[in-house]
Amino acid sequence: MKKILSSTAKQKGFILPYVLFFIAIAFIAITFNVNLYRDEVQITKNQTEQLKIETLLQMGRTRFKDEVASDTEIPNPVVYHFPVGNVKIRYAKPHEQKYHLYISIQTDTFATLSITNQLRILNE
């Protein structure tokens, strides 16, 4: 004759603790994944802003270099307006072919960065 386990023969909530445990684990996993997704979205936004800032830096520096190379009178500071933001460049010219640039960048979503840079112009 088969022996019947006393814990399975009685119907006084043998399964309930296991069900609650698995529901709690599932709830923790779902909460963790939602928080992870929210963090990933924020990281993506920050990386997009960083890419915009780097692009604006290169665009502003290149436009300034082109204006210096064309021998036109450049105001100090000079402001460039681009579709993704604005670049303001203040400069000092300590030598004939060397410029110290003080660049302020603001994106269209109001992220800002200030940086100093050097620009050397070689006459060909």
Protein backbone atom coordinates (compact mmCIF):
# COMPACT_ATOMS: atom_id res chain seq x y z
CA MET A 1 0.00 0.00 0.00
CA LYS A 2 1.23 3.48 -0.83
CA LYS A 3 2.02 5.78 1.99
CA ILE A 4 0.14 9.08 1.81
CA LEU A 5 2.07 12.15 2.87
CA SER A 6 0.34 14.01 5.62
CA SER A 7 1.21 17.41 4.12
CA THR A 8 -0.49 16.60 0.81
CA ALA A 9 -3.49 14.81 2.24
CA LYS A 10 -4.56 17.76 4.36
CA GLN A 11 -5.96 20.71 2.45
CA LYS A 12 -5.01 23.53 4.81
CA GLY A 13 -2.98 25.78 2.47
CA PHE A 14 0.01 23.67 1.51
CA ILE A 15 0.35 25.49 -1.86
CA LEU A 16 -0.28 29.07 -0.68
CA PRO A 17 3.24 29.86 0.64
CA TYR A 18 4.80 28.67 -2.61
CA VAL A 19 2.41 30.72 -4.73
CA LEU A 20 3.07 33.82 -2.63
CA PHE A 21 6.81 33.25 -2.91
CA PHE A 22 6.69 32.98 -6.71
CA ILE A 23 4.43 36.01 -7.00
CA ALA A 24 6.85 38.02 -4.86
CA ILE A 25 9.80 36.90 -7.02
CA ALA A 26 7.87 37.82 -10.19
CA PHE A 27 6.96 41.23 -8.74
CA ILE A 28 10.59 41.92 -7.80
CA ALA A 29 11.77 40.91 -11.28
CA ILE A 30 9.19 43.12 -13.00
CA THR A 31 10.04 46.09 -10.78
CA PHE A 32 13.75 45.60 -11.45
CA ASN A 33 13.20 45.48 -15.23
CA VAL A 34 11.03 48.61 -15.20
CA ASN A 35 13.70 50.52 -13.25
CA LEU A 36 16.41 49.20 -15.57
CA TYR A 37 14.41 50.35 -18.62
CA ARG A 38 13.88 53.81 -17.11
CA ASP A 39 17.63 54.12 -16.45
CA GLU A 40 18.44 53.02 -19.99
CA VAL A 41 16.11 55.67 -21.41
CA GLN A 42 17.82 58.36 -19.30
CA ILE A 43 21.27 57.15 -20.37
CA THR A 44 20.17 57.29 -24.02
CA LYS A 45 18.93 60.87 -23.60
CA ASN A 46 22.23 61.87 -21.98
CA GLN A 47 24.24 60.25 -24.76
CA THR A 48 22.13 62.03 -27.37
CA GLU A 49 22.79 65.36 -25.66
CA GLN A 50 26.51 64.60 -25.51
CA LEU A 51 26.52 63.81 -29.22
CA LYS A 52 24.74 67.11 -29.95
CA ILE A 53 27.28 69.01 -27.85
CA GLU A 54 30.23 67.36 -29.60
CA THR A 55 28.67 68.07 -33.00
CA LEU A 56 28.07 71.72 -32.10
CA LEU A 57 31.66 72.04 -30.89
CA GLN A 58 33.04 70.73 -34.17
CA MET A 59 30.63 72.79 -36.28
CA GLY A 60 31.38 76.02 -34.40
CA ARG A 61 35.13 75.48 -34.42
CA THR A 62 35.10 74.66 -38.15
CA ARG A 63 33.01 77.70 -39.03
CA PHE A 64 35.29 79.94 -36.95
CA LYS A 65 38.35 78.45 -38.65
CA ASP A 66 36.82 79.09 -42.09
CA GLU A 67 36.08 82.70 -41.19
CA VAL A 68 39.61 83.23 -39.89
CA ALA A 69 41.07 81.65 -43.03
CA SER A 70 38.99 83.94 -45.27
CA ASP A 71 40.60 87.01 -43.63
CA THR A 72 37.30 88.67 -42.75
CA GLU A 73 36.81 90.82 -39.68
CA ILE A 74 35.44 88.59 -36.92
CA PRO A 75 33.58 90.13 -33.98
CA ASN A 76 34.53 89.09 -30.48
CA PRO A 77 32.49 87.19 -29.29
CA VAL A 78 31.01 85.48 -32.31
CA VAL A 79 27.72 83.55 -32.04
CA TYR A 80 26.68 80.79 -34.41
CA HIS A 81 23.10 79.52 -34.59
CA PHE A 82 22.66 75.93 -35.72
CA PRO A 83 19.47 73.80 -35.87
CA VAL A 84 20.43 71.80 -32.75
CA GLY A 85 21.76 74.69 -30.68
CA ASN A 86 23.96 77.77 -30.39
CA VAL A 87 27.71 78.21 -30.10
CA LYS A 88 29.30 81.34 -28.64
CA ILE A 89 33.04 81.73 -29.18
CA ARG A 90 35.18 84.32 -27.42
CA TYR A 91 38.75 84.33 -28.57
CA ALA A 92 42.16 85.78 -27.88
CA LYS A 93 45.01 85.94 -30.36
CA PRO A 94 48.33 85.75 -28.51
CA HIS A 95 50.34 85.00 -31.69
CA GLU A 96 49.90 85.52 -35.40
CA GLN A 97 48.79 81.96 -36.13
CA LYS A 98 47.39 80.91 -32.77
CA TYR A 99 43.98 81.52 -31.21
CA HIS A 100 42.72 80.69 -27.73
CA LEU A 101 39.02 79.86 -27.98
CA TYR A 102 36.54 80.03 -25.10
CA ILE A 103 33.52 78.15 -26.37
CA SER A 104 30.05 78.10 -24.76
CA ILE A 105 27.59 75.62 -26.20
CA GLN A 106 23.85 75.38 -25.58
CA THR A 107 21.69 72.72 -27.24
CA ASP A 108 18.05 73.07 -28.22
CA THR A 109 17.09 71.24 -25.01
CA PHE A 110 19.15 73.71 -22.92
CA ALA A 111 22.08 71.43 -22.08
CA THR A 112 25.21 73.57 -21.77
CA LEU A 113 28.96 73.16 -21.89
CA SER A 114 31.86 75.61 -21.67
CA ILE A 115 35.27 74.60 -22.93
CA THR A 116 38.59 76.15 -23.83
CA ASN A 117 40.36 75.18 -27.00
CA GLN A 118 43.34 76.20 -29.13
CA LEU A 119 43.28 76.79 -32.85
CA ARG A 120 46.38 77.04 -35.01
CA ILE A 121 46.09 78.52 -38.47
CA LEU A 122 48.82 77.52 -40.88
CA ASN A 123 49.18 79.79 -43.90
CA GLU A 124 49.78 77.81 -47.04
